[in-house]
């Protein structure tokens, strides 16, 4: 029976106390609330959080049972913080090659849409992926996942979407399935065949392929937890998105959505209509979109709150406007944060940098950003009961920081690697 005891923790963050149950997510002003215990201890047993509290609350019986035991590994966390590992709820890490040529094209003034029209963008990644074996894709994606874990990620969502044929989308989803089997972290898979339209067949033929063949086979093979659509200017229309999501719902796939990255697309509203667990990007948001999200929970339709997920590293990399996080939070909405790790618009799985961008460019407070990257991000992929929190009898997915003066120092000190150790199910990784 493996046991680890953390002692003298400067602050144990995002804790659920006996008289203070953590909600499924935090919204509006409550996103400032980040319950913590100063000068704390934390006991991990067999990969689970067993006990925690203030150092001075350790009883004499516990002292003799814990401190004198040679079977318990003891870690002195003086000056260090422990918080739940991050949840990265939006990634595209199964891909082939890289797209730094497009990076240079943008430096020379081309837009994302212009690059896509030239055969770059998603279709560039599609061509490379179709020529790459499943094993090669797995090896590259596994390396990216290991890198993400090193940045503090303890659960992630991974999308398909660079295949754009039945065979290649299934190939991507099988890679994700293998990552699920071998990775120490929890992974959710998303079918994103509706990422772009391939040039080889007509638009209507591809819609038929998506709704009549791809979605049924993905569901039959149990290869995806969610179905996603890139509902935006130059990609899938609201009407096309509606048709795809109807097919996904028919086959019992939960819904996620890319929306309003490039323009006000109607994607938010169609996502809410279909009970999407999250709508992601949201750089273009008006009052109608905010009100739609505020009213997304509908018990009559068995719809839960739709989580707005913001991807500031994409706005940073593409030099887009940032999502109006401050306006959304002050309107009473929750928000979550993710990396959008992908080869074209966010080639990084660095969640601490995402926190820095959220604070610097979207005026989120450190407390709001940490809630958005832990509890709310867990909700975005239906993991809020087990991830993004310090709760007894849940997996010990933890970040131990280096010695830092405050929690705000993490986003403040952008680019610095302030994580000393990541623990997944109680094991050092």
Protein backbone atom coordinates (compact mmCIF):
# COMPACT_ATOMS: atom_id res chain seq x y z
CA UNK A 1 0.00 0.00 0.00
CA UNK A 2 1.78 3.14 -1.25
CA UNK A 3 1.43 6.25 0.90
CA UNK A 4 2.78 9.77 0.45
CA UNK A 5 2.48 12.53 3.04
CA UNK A 6 2.98 16.16 2.03
CA UNK A 7 3.85 18.38 4.99
CA UNK A 8 4.12 22.14 5.58
CA UNK A 9 2.34 23.00 2.33
CA UNK A 10 2.32 26.78 1.99
CA UNK A 11 -1.19 26.60 0.53
CA UNK A 12 -3.38 23.67 -0.56
CA UNK A 13 -5.56 25.10 -3.30
CA UNK A 14 -9.07 24.26 -4.58
CA UNK A 15 -10.01 22.14 -1.58
CA UNK A 16 -13.41 20.78 -0.65
CA UNK A 17 -13.97 21.13 3.08
CA UNK A 18 -16.41 19.17 5.22
CA UNK A 19 -18.85 22.07 5.29
CA UNK A 20 -18.06 23.55 1.90
CA UNK A 21 -18.93 21.36 -1.06
CA UNK A 22 -17.31 22.41 -4.31
CA UNK A 23 -19.90 23.07 -7.06
CA UNK A 24 -19.77 21.48 -10.50
CA UNK A 25 -18.34 24.75 -11.84
CA UNK A 26 -17.89 28.35 -10.76
CA UNK A 27 -19.52 31.25 -12.58
CA UNK A 28 -19.52 35.04 -12.42
CA UNK A 29 -18.31 36.52 -9.13
CA UNK A 30 -17.88 33.02 -7.67
CA UNK A 31 -14.92 32.48 -10.00
CA UNK A 32 -12.96 34.64 -7.54
CA UNK A 33 -13.55 31.97 -4.89
CA UNK A 34 -10.62 29.58 -4.57
CA UNK A 35 -10.86 27.75 -1.23
CA UNK A 36 -7.43 27.03 0.20
CA UNK A 37 -5.80 25.76 3.40
CA UNK A 38 -2.64 27.54 4.55
CA UNK A 39 0.18 25.56 6.21
CA UNK A 40 -1.45 22.29 5.22
CA UNK A 41 -0.80 18.57 5.03
CA UNK A 42 -2.07 16.10 2.44
CA UNK A 43 -2.03 12.30 2.68
CA UNK A 44 -2.20 10.19 -0.49
CA UNK A 45 -2.91 6.47 -0.20
CA UNK A 46 -2.98 4.06 -3.14
CA UNK A 47 -3.26 6.93 -5.58
CA UNK A 48 -6.23 8.53 -3.82
CA UNK A 49 -6.51 11.65 -1.68
CA UNK A 50 -7.04 10.18 1.77
CA UNK A 51 -6.81 13.11 4.19
CA UNK A 52 -5.87 16.79 4.32
CA UNK A 53 -6.07 19.73 6.69
CA UNK A 54 -4.03 22.23 8.66
CA UNK A 55 -0.68 21.10 10.07
CA UNK A 56 -1.79 22.03 13.59
CA UNK A 57 -4.82 19.74 13.23
CA UNK A 58 -2.69 16.59 12.91
CA UNK A 59 -3.59 14.54 15.99
CA UNK A 60 -1.10 12.76 18.23
CA UNK A 61 -2.45 9.46 16.92
CA UNK A 62 -1.85 10.58 13.32
CA UNK A 63 1.64 11.81 14.19
CA UNK A 64 2.66 8.44 15.54
CA UNK A 65 0.98 6.59 12.65
CA UNK A 66 2.34 8.84 9.90
CA UNK A 67 5.49 10.65 10.94
CA UNK A 68 7.20 7.66 12.52
CA UNK A 69 6.27 5.23 9.75
CA UNK A 70 9.01 4.13 7.34
CA UNK A 71 6.31 2.97 4.92
CA UNK A 72 5.12 6.51 4.20
CA UNK A 73 7.09 8.75 1.83
CA UNK A 74 7.26 12.23 3.33
CA UNK A 75 7.63 15.33 1.18
CA UNK A 76 8.39 18.67 2.81
CA UNK A 77 6.45 21.31 0.85
CA UNK A 78 7.62 24.33 2.83
CA UNK A 79 7.13 27.45 0.70
CA UNK A 80 5.37 25.45 -2.03
CA UNK A 81 1.78 25.27 -3.26
CA UNK A 82 -0.23 22.18 -4.14
CA UNK A 83 -3.13 22.53 -6.54
CA UNK A 84 -5.12 20.07 -8.64
CA UNK A 85 -3.56 19.25 -11.98
CA UNK A 86 -4.84 21.24 -14.93
CA UNK A 87 -7.50 19.90 -17.29
CA UNK A 88 -6.84 20.69 -20.95
CA UNK A 89 -10.29 20.33 -22.46
CA UNK A 90 -9.50 21.23 -26.08
CA UNK A 91 -6.54 19.76 -28.02
CA UNK A 92 -5.65 18.41 -31.46
CA UNK A 93 -2.40 16.59 -30.67
CA UNK A 94 -2.76 13.75 -33.19
CA UNK A 95 -1.16 15.26 -36.28
CA UNK A 96 1.73 14.76 -38.69
CA UNK A 97 4.53 17.23 -39.27
CA UNK A 98 4.48 20.93 -38.43
CA UNK A 99 3.39 24.16 -40.12
CA UNK A 100 6.12 26.71 -39.49
CA UNK A 101 5.99 27.81 -43.17
CA UNK A 102 2.49 29.15 -42.48
CA UNK A 103 3.89 30.85 -39.39
CA UNK A 104 6.27 32.71 -41.70
CA UNK A 105 3.43 33.44 -44.16
CA UNK A 106 1.49 35.17 -41.37
CA UNK A 107 4.57 37.21 -40.49
CA UNK A 108 4.52 38.38 -44.12
CA UNK A 109 0.87 39.42 -43.83
CA UNK A 110 -1.30 36.50 -44.94
CA UNK A 111 -4.41 35.79 -42.87
CA UNK A 112 -5.57 32.42 -41.52
CA UNK A 113 -8.34 32.36 -44.16
CA UNK A 114 -5.94 33.26 -47.01
CA UNK A 115 -3.56 30.49 -45.99
CA UNK A 116 -6.47 28.03 -45.92
CA UNK A 117 -7.61 29.13 -49.40
CA UNK A 118 -4.12 28.36 -50.72
CA UNK A 119 -4.37 24.77 -49.50
CA UNK A 120 -2.67 25.44 -46.21
CA UNK A 121 -4.22 25.32 -42.79
CA UNK A 122 -6.25 22.27 -41.88
CA UNK A 123 -5.99 20.77 -45.38
CA UNK A 124 -2.19 20.95 -45.17
CA UNK A 125 -2.31 18.84 -42.01
CA UNK A 126 -4.84 16.54 -43.65
CA UNK A 127 -2.55 15.70 -46.57
CA UNK A 128 0.33 14.89 -44.23
CA UNK A 129 -1.79 12.84 -41.86
CA UNK A 130 -3.23 10.71 -44.66
CA UNK A 131 0.34 9.78 -45.65
CA UNK A 132 1.41 8.88 -42.09
CA UNK A 133 0.98 5.49 -40.45
CA UNK A 134 -1.05 4.94 -37.31
CA UNK A 135 2.08 3.94 -35.39
CA UNK A 136 3.96 7.10 -36.42
CA UNK A 137 0.98 9.24 -35.41
CA UNK A 138 0.80 7.48 -32.06
CA UNK A 139 4.50 7.98 -31.30
CA UNK A 140 4.35 11.71 -32.09
CA UNK A 141 1.10 12.25 -30.17
CA UNK A 142 2.42 10.33 -27.18
CA UNK A 143 5.46 12.62 -27.03
CA UNK A 144 3.17 15.66 -27.05
CA UNK A 145 1.04 14.17 -24.30
CA UNK A 146 4.10 13.54 -22.12
CA UNK A 147 5.09 17.18 -22.67
CA UNK A 148 1.60 18.33 -21.64
CA UNK A 149 1.74 16.30 -18.43
CA UNK A 150 5.06 17.96 -17.63
CA UNK A 151 3.28 21.31 -17.80
CA UNK A 152 0.82 20.12 -15.15
CA UNK A 153 -2.01 18.62 -17.23
CA UNK A 154 -3.74 15.72 -15.50
CA UNK A 155 -6.67 15.16 -17.90
CA UNK A 156 -7.21 16.09 -21.54
CA UNK A 157 -9.56 15.99 -24.48
CA UNK A 158 -8.12 15.05 -27.89
CA UNK A 159 -9.89 15.57 -31.23
CA UNK A 160 -9.70 13.94 -34.63
CA UNK A 161 -10.27 16.21 -37.62
CA UNK A 162 -7.18 16.00 -39.84
CA UNK A 163 -8.28 12.83 -41.62
CA UNK A 164 -11.39 14.02 -43.51
CA UNK A 165 -11.97 10.54 -44.93
CA UNK A 166 -13.69 7.71 -43.13
CA UNK A 167 -10.50 5.64 -43.03
CA UNK A 168 -8.27 8.45 -41.78
CA UNK A 169 -10.68 9.82 -39.18
CA UNK A 170 -11.00 6.29 -37.78
CA UNK A 171 -7.20 6.03 -37.84
CA UNK A 172 -6.92 9.18 -35.72
CA UNK A 173 -9.54 8.00 -33.26
CA UNK A 174 -7.75 4.67 -32.87
CA UNK A 175 -4.57 6.56 -32.02
CA UNK A 176 -6.52 8.46 -29.35
CA UNK A 177 -7.94 5.15 -28.10
CA UNK A 178 -4.41 3.79 -27.72
CA UNK A 179 -3.35 6.95 -25.86
CA UNK A 180 -6.29 6.38 -23.51
CA UNK A 181 -5.07 2.86 -22.81
CA UNK A 182 -1.43 3.70 -22.09
CA UNK A 183 -1.50 7.19 -20.61
CA UNK A 184 -1.64 7.72 -16.84
CA UNK A 185 -4.07 10.62 -17.31
CA UNK A 186 -7.78 10.57 -18.12
CA UNK A 187 -8.45 11.27 -21.81
CA UNK A 188 -11.71 12.09 -23.59
CA UNK A 189 -11.94 11.66 -27.37
CA UNK A 190 -13.82 13.86 -29.81
CA UNK A 191 -14.81 13.13 -33.41
CA UNK A 192 -14.18 16.29 -35.46
CA UNK A 193 -14.71 15.07 -39.00
CA UNK A 194 -16.48 18.41 -39.55
CA UNK A 195 -13.21 20.35 -39.25
CA UNK A 196 -13.03 21.41 -42.91
CA UNK A 197 -14.35 20.35 -46.32
CA UNK A 198 -11.93 18.19 -48.35
CA UNK A 199 -11.31 19.30 -51.93
CA UNK A 200 -11.75 15.83 -53.43
CA UNK A 201 -15.56 15.62 -53.10
CA UNK A 202 -18.47 18.05 -53.17
CA UNK A 203 -19.69 19.83 -50.07
CA UNK A 204 -22.98 17.94 -50.08
CA UNK A 205 -21.25 14.59 -50.62
CA UNK A 206 -19.04 15.24 -47.61
CA UNK A 207 -22.07 16.17 -45.50
CA UNK A 208 -23.64 12.83 -46.48
CA UNK A 209 -20.41 11.02 -45.62
CA UNK A 210 -20.28 12.69 -42.20
CA UNK A 211 -23.88 12.06 -41.23
CA UNK A 212 -24.56 8.71 -42.90
CA UNK A 213 -21.24 6.85 -42.59
CA UNK A 214 -18.66 8.52 -40.35
CA UNK A 215 -20.79 9.27 -37.31
CA UNK A 216 -22.58 5.89 -37.34
CA UNK A 217 -19.28 3.97 -37.59
CA UNK A 218 -17.52 6.09 -34.95
CA UNK A 219 -20.44 5.46 -32.60
CA UNK A 220 -20.67 1.75 -33.44
CA UNK A 221 -16.96 1.26 -32.65
CA UNK A 222 -17.27 3.39 -29.49
CA UNK A 223 -14.34 5.55 -30.60
CA UNK A 224 -15.53 8.96 -29.40
CA UNK A 225 -17.10 10.57 -26.36
CA UNK A 226 -18.06 13.76 -28.22
CA UNK A 227 -18.81 15.11 -31.67
CA UNK A 228 -17.51 18.57 -32.61
CA UNK A 229 -18.03 20.89 -35.61
CA UNK A 230 -16.02 23.92 -36.76
CA UNK A 231 -19.01 26.25 -37.11
CA UNK A 232 -17.46 29.47 -38.36
CA UNK A 233 -16.93 31.82 -41.28
CA UNK A 234 -15.56 29.89 -44.27
CA UNK A 235 -16.15 26.49 -42.68
CA UNK A 236 -19.45 24.85 -41.62
CA UNK A 237 -22.66 26.89 -41.66
CA UNK A 238 -25.23 26.88 -38.89
CA UNK A 239 -27.54 24.75 -41.04
CA UNK A 240 -24.81 22.21 -41.78
CA UNK A 241 -23.82 22.17 -38.11
CA UNK A 242 -27.43 21.55 -37.09
CA UNK A 243 -27.63 18.56 -39.43
CA UNK A 244 -24.35 17.06 -38.17
CA UNK A 245 -25.28 17.52 -34.51
CA UNK A 246 -28.68 15.92 -35.08
CA UNK A 247 -26.88 12.86 -36.45
CA UNK A 248 -24.43 12.86 -33.53
CA UNK A 249 -27.22 13.07 -30.95
CA UNK A 250 -29.09 10.26 -32.69
CA UNK A 251 -25.99 8.10 -32.16
CA UNK A 252 -25.59 9.13 -28.50
CA UNK A 253 -22.49 11.28 -28.91
CA UNK A 254 -22.24 14.27 -26.59
CA UNK A 255 -21.71 17.66 -28.22
CA UNK A 256 -18.84 20.15 -28.28
CA UNK A 257 -18.41 23.00 -30.75
CA UNK A 258 -15.84 25.33 -32.31
CA UNK A 259 -17.64 28.67 -32.56
CA UNK A 260 -17.09 32.37 -33.20
CA UNK A 261 -13.32 32.28 -33.66
CA UNK A 262 -13.31 34.14 -36.97
CA UNK A 263 -16.66 35.93 -36.87
CA UNK A 264 -20.05 35.96 -35.15
CA UNK A 265 -21.14 32.67 -36.70
CA UNK A 266 -24.30 31.61 -34.88
CA UNK A 267 -22.29 28.70 -33.51
CA UNK A 268 -22.94 29.57 -29.87
CA UNK A 269 -26.70 29.48 -30.32
CA UNK A 270 -26.70 26.23 -32.29
CA UNK A 271 -24.44 24.67 -29.66
CA UNK A 272 -26.82 25.69 -26.89
CA UNK A 273 -29.77 24.39 -28.91
CA UNK A 274 -28.12 20.95 -28.98
CA UNK A 275 -27.09 20.98 -25.32
CA UNK A 276 -23.37 21.24 -26.06
CA UNK A 277 -21.18 20.55 -23.06
CA UNK A 278 -18.92 23.34 -24.24
CA UNK A 279 -18.59 25.92 -27.00
CA UNK A 280 -14.98 26.85 -27.65
CA UNK A 281 -12.94 29.83 -28.98
CA UNK A 282 -15.53 32.67 -28.69
CA UNK A 283 -13.33 35.56 -29.79
CA UNK A 284 -16.46 37.21 -31.26
CA UNK A 285 -19.18 37.50 -28.62
CA UNK A 286 -22.18 39.83 -28.49
CA UNK A 287 -25.10 40.18 -26.08
CA UNK A 288 -27.11 37.52 -27.93
CA UNK A 289 -24.34 34.95 -27.49
CA UNK A 290 -23.87 35.80 -23.81
CA UNK A 291 -27.61 35.61 -23.12
CA UNK A 292 -27.86 32.31 -24.96
CA UNK A 293 -25.15 30.84 -22.73
CA UNK A 294 -26.70 32.31 -19.58
CA UNK A 295 -29.90 30.43 -20.45
CA UNK A 296 -28.27 27.23 -21.69
CA UNK A 297 -29.23 25.06 -18.71
CA UNK A 298 -32.66 23.62 -19.50
CA UNK A 299 -33.96 20.80 -17.31
CA UNK A 300 -36.95 20.29 -19.59
CA UNK A 301 -34.57 19.32 -22.39
CA UNK A 302 -32.15 17.58 -20.01
CA UNK A 303 -29.51 20.15 -20.98
CA UNK A 304 -26.82 21.20 -18.49
CA UNK A 305 -25.00 24.52 -18.52
CA UNK A 306 -22.90 24.92 -21.67
CA UNK A 307 -19.33 25.84 -20.68
CA UNK A 308 -17.70 28.68 -22.65
CA UNK A 309 -14.10 27.58 -23.27
CA UNK A 310 -11.53 30.23 -24.14
CA UNK A 311 -8.30 29.52 -26.02
CA UNK A 312 -6.05 32.56 -25.56
CA UNK A 313 -2.90 30.93 -26.94
CA UNK A 314 -4.66 30.68 -30.33
CA UNK A 315 -5.51 34.38 -30.29
CA UNK A 316 -1.91 35.06 -29.24
CA UNK A 317 -0.38 32.93 -32.01
CA UNK A 318 -2.69 34.17 -34.79
CA UNK A 319 -2.76 37.78 -33.51
CA UNK A 320 -6.56 37.66 -33.24
CA UNK A 321 -8.67 39.62 -30.81
CA UNK A 322 -9.03 37.84 -27.48
CA UNK A 323 -12.33 36.48 -26.18
CA UNK A 324 -14.09 39.02 -23.91
CA UNK A 325 -13.57 37.00 -20.73
CA UNK A 326 -14.07 39.97 -18.42
CA UNK A 327 -17.45 40.82 -19.96
CA UNK A 328 -18.54 37.19 -19.88
CA UNK A 329 -17.62 36.68 -16.23
CA UNK A 330 -19.20 39.97 -15.16
CA UNK A 331 -22.37 38.89 -16.98
CA UNK A 332 -22.52 35.86 -14.68
CA UNK A 333 -21.05 33.21 -16.97
CA UNK A 334 -18.49 30.55 -16.13
CA UNK A 335 -15.47 30.20 -18.43
CA UNK A 336 -12.85 27.51 -18.83
CA UNK A 337 -9.39 27.66 -20.39
CA UNK A 338 -7.57 25.24 -22.71
CA UNK A 339 -4.51 25.21 -24.98
CA UNK A 340 -6.01 24.25 -28.37
CA UNK A 341 -2.68 22.44 -28.92
CA UNK A 342 -2.46 21.97 -32.71
CA UNK A 343 0.12 22.45 -35.49
CA UNK A 344 -1.40 25.49 -37.16
CA UNK A 345 -2.72 27.95 -34.61
CA UNK A 346 -1.44 26.90 -31.17
CA UNK A 347 1.58 24.57 -31.29
CA UNK A 348 1.93 24.34 -27.52
CA UNK A 349 0.45 22.36 -24.64
CA UNK A 350 1.70 24.81 -22.00
CA UNK A 351 -1.21 25.38 -19.61
CA UNK A 352 0.73 27.73 -17.27
CA UNK A 353 1.34 30.02 -20.26
CA UNK A 354 -2.40 29.92 -21.03
CA UNK A 355 -3.03 31.13 -17.47
CA UNK A 356 -0.59 34.00 -18.03
CA UNK A 357 -2.28 34.99 -21.30
CA UNK A 358 -5.70 34.87 -19.62
CA UNK A 359 -4.53 37.26 -16.92
CA UNK A 360 -2.47 39.57 -19.16
CA UNK A 361 -4.69 39.81 -22.24
CA UNK A 362 -8.17 38.91 -20.97
CA UNK A 363 -7.95 40.60 -17.56
CA UNK A 364 -8.83 37.47 -15.65
CA UNK A 365 -7.61 37.39 -12.07
CA UNK A 366 -5.25 34.57 -11.04
CA UNK A 367 -8.09 32.99 -9.03
CA UNK A 368 -10.44 33.10 -12.03
CA UNK A 369 -7.77 31.65 -14.31
CA UNK A 370 -7.02 28.76 -11.95
CA UNK A 371 -10.72 27.97 -11.56
CA UNK A 372 -11.03 28.09 -15.36
CA UNK A 373 -8.09 25.70 -15.84
CA UNK A 374 -9.11 23.21 -13.15
CA UNK A 375 -12.73 22.88 -11.97
CA UNK A 376 -14.44 24.55 -14.94
CA UNK A 377 -12.20 22.80 -17.46
CA UNK A 378 -13.03 19.47 -15.82
CA UNK A 379 -16.74 20.28 -16.20
CA UNK A 380 -16.16 20.98 -19.91
CA UNK A 381 -15.31 17.28 -20.39
CA UNK A 382 -17.65 15.79 -17.76
CA UNK A 383 -14.91 15.17 -15.18
CA UNK A 384 -15.95 17.68 -12.52
CA UNK A 385 -16.65 14.99 -9.91
CA UNK A 386 -13.11 13.62 -10.03
CA UNK A 387 -10.74 16.21 -11.52
CA UNK A 388 -9.80 19.84 -11.00
CA UNK A 389 -10.38 19.65 -7.23
CA UNK A 390 -8.78 18.48 -3.99
CA UNK A 391 -11.48 16.12 -2.72
CA UNK A 392 -11.21 13.06 -0.50
CA UNK A 393 -11.31 9.68 -2.22
CA UNK A 394 -10.60 11.11 -5.68
CA UNK A 395 -7.45 10.45 -7.71
CA UNK A 396 -4.42 12.36 -6.43
CA UNK A 397 -3.73 14.34 -9.61
CA UNK A 398 -1.60 17.13 -8.20
CA UNK A 399 0.82 19.92 -9.04
CA UNK A 400 3.56 20.67 -6.52
CA UNK A 401 5.07 24.06 -7.29
CA UNK A 402 8.57 25.24 -6.62
CA UNK A 403 8.97 27.74 -3.78
CA UNK A 404 6.98 30.80 -4.86
CA UNK A 405 5.77 33.83 -2.88
CA UNK A 406 2.10 33.61 -3.95
CA UNK A 407 -0.26 31.82 -6.29
CA UNK A 408 -0.42 34.95 -8.46
CA UNK A 409 3.31 34.51 -9.07
CA UNK A 410 2.53 31.60 -11.43
CA UNK A 411 0.73 33.64 -14.14
CA UNK A 412 2.81 36.73 -13.32
CA UNK A 413 6.10 34.96 -13.99
CA UNK A 414 5.16 33.96 -17.54
CA UNK A 415 7.55 31.59 -19.26
CA UNK A 416 9.13 30.39 -16.03
CA UNK A 417 8.79 26.71 -15.21
CA UNK A 418 7.51 26.82 -11.65
CA UNK A 419 6.26 23.23 -11.38
CA UNK A 420 8.54 21.06 -9.27
CA UNK A 421 6.62 17.80 -9.66
CA UNK A 422 3.41 16.48 -11.18
CA UNK A 423 1.63 13.54 -9.52
CA UNK A 424 -0.92 11.45 -11.42
CA UNK A 425 -2.91 9.02 -9.27
CA UNK A 426 -0.31 9.65 -6.60
CA UNK A 427 2.66 8.69 -8.78
CA UNK A 428 5.42 11.06 -9.82
CA UNK A 429 5.45 11.56 -13.59
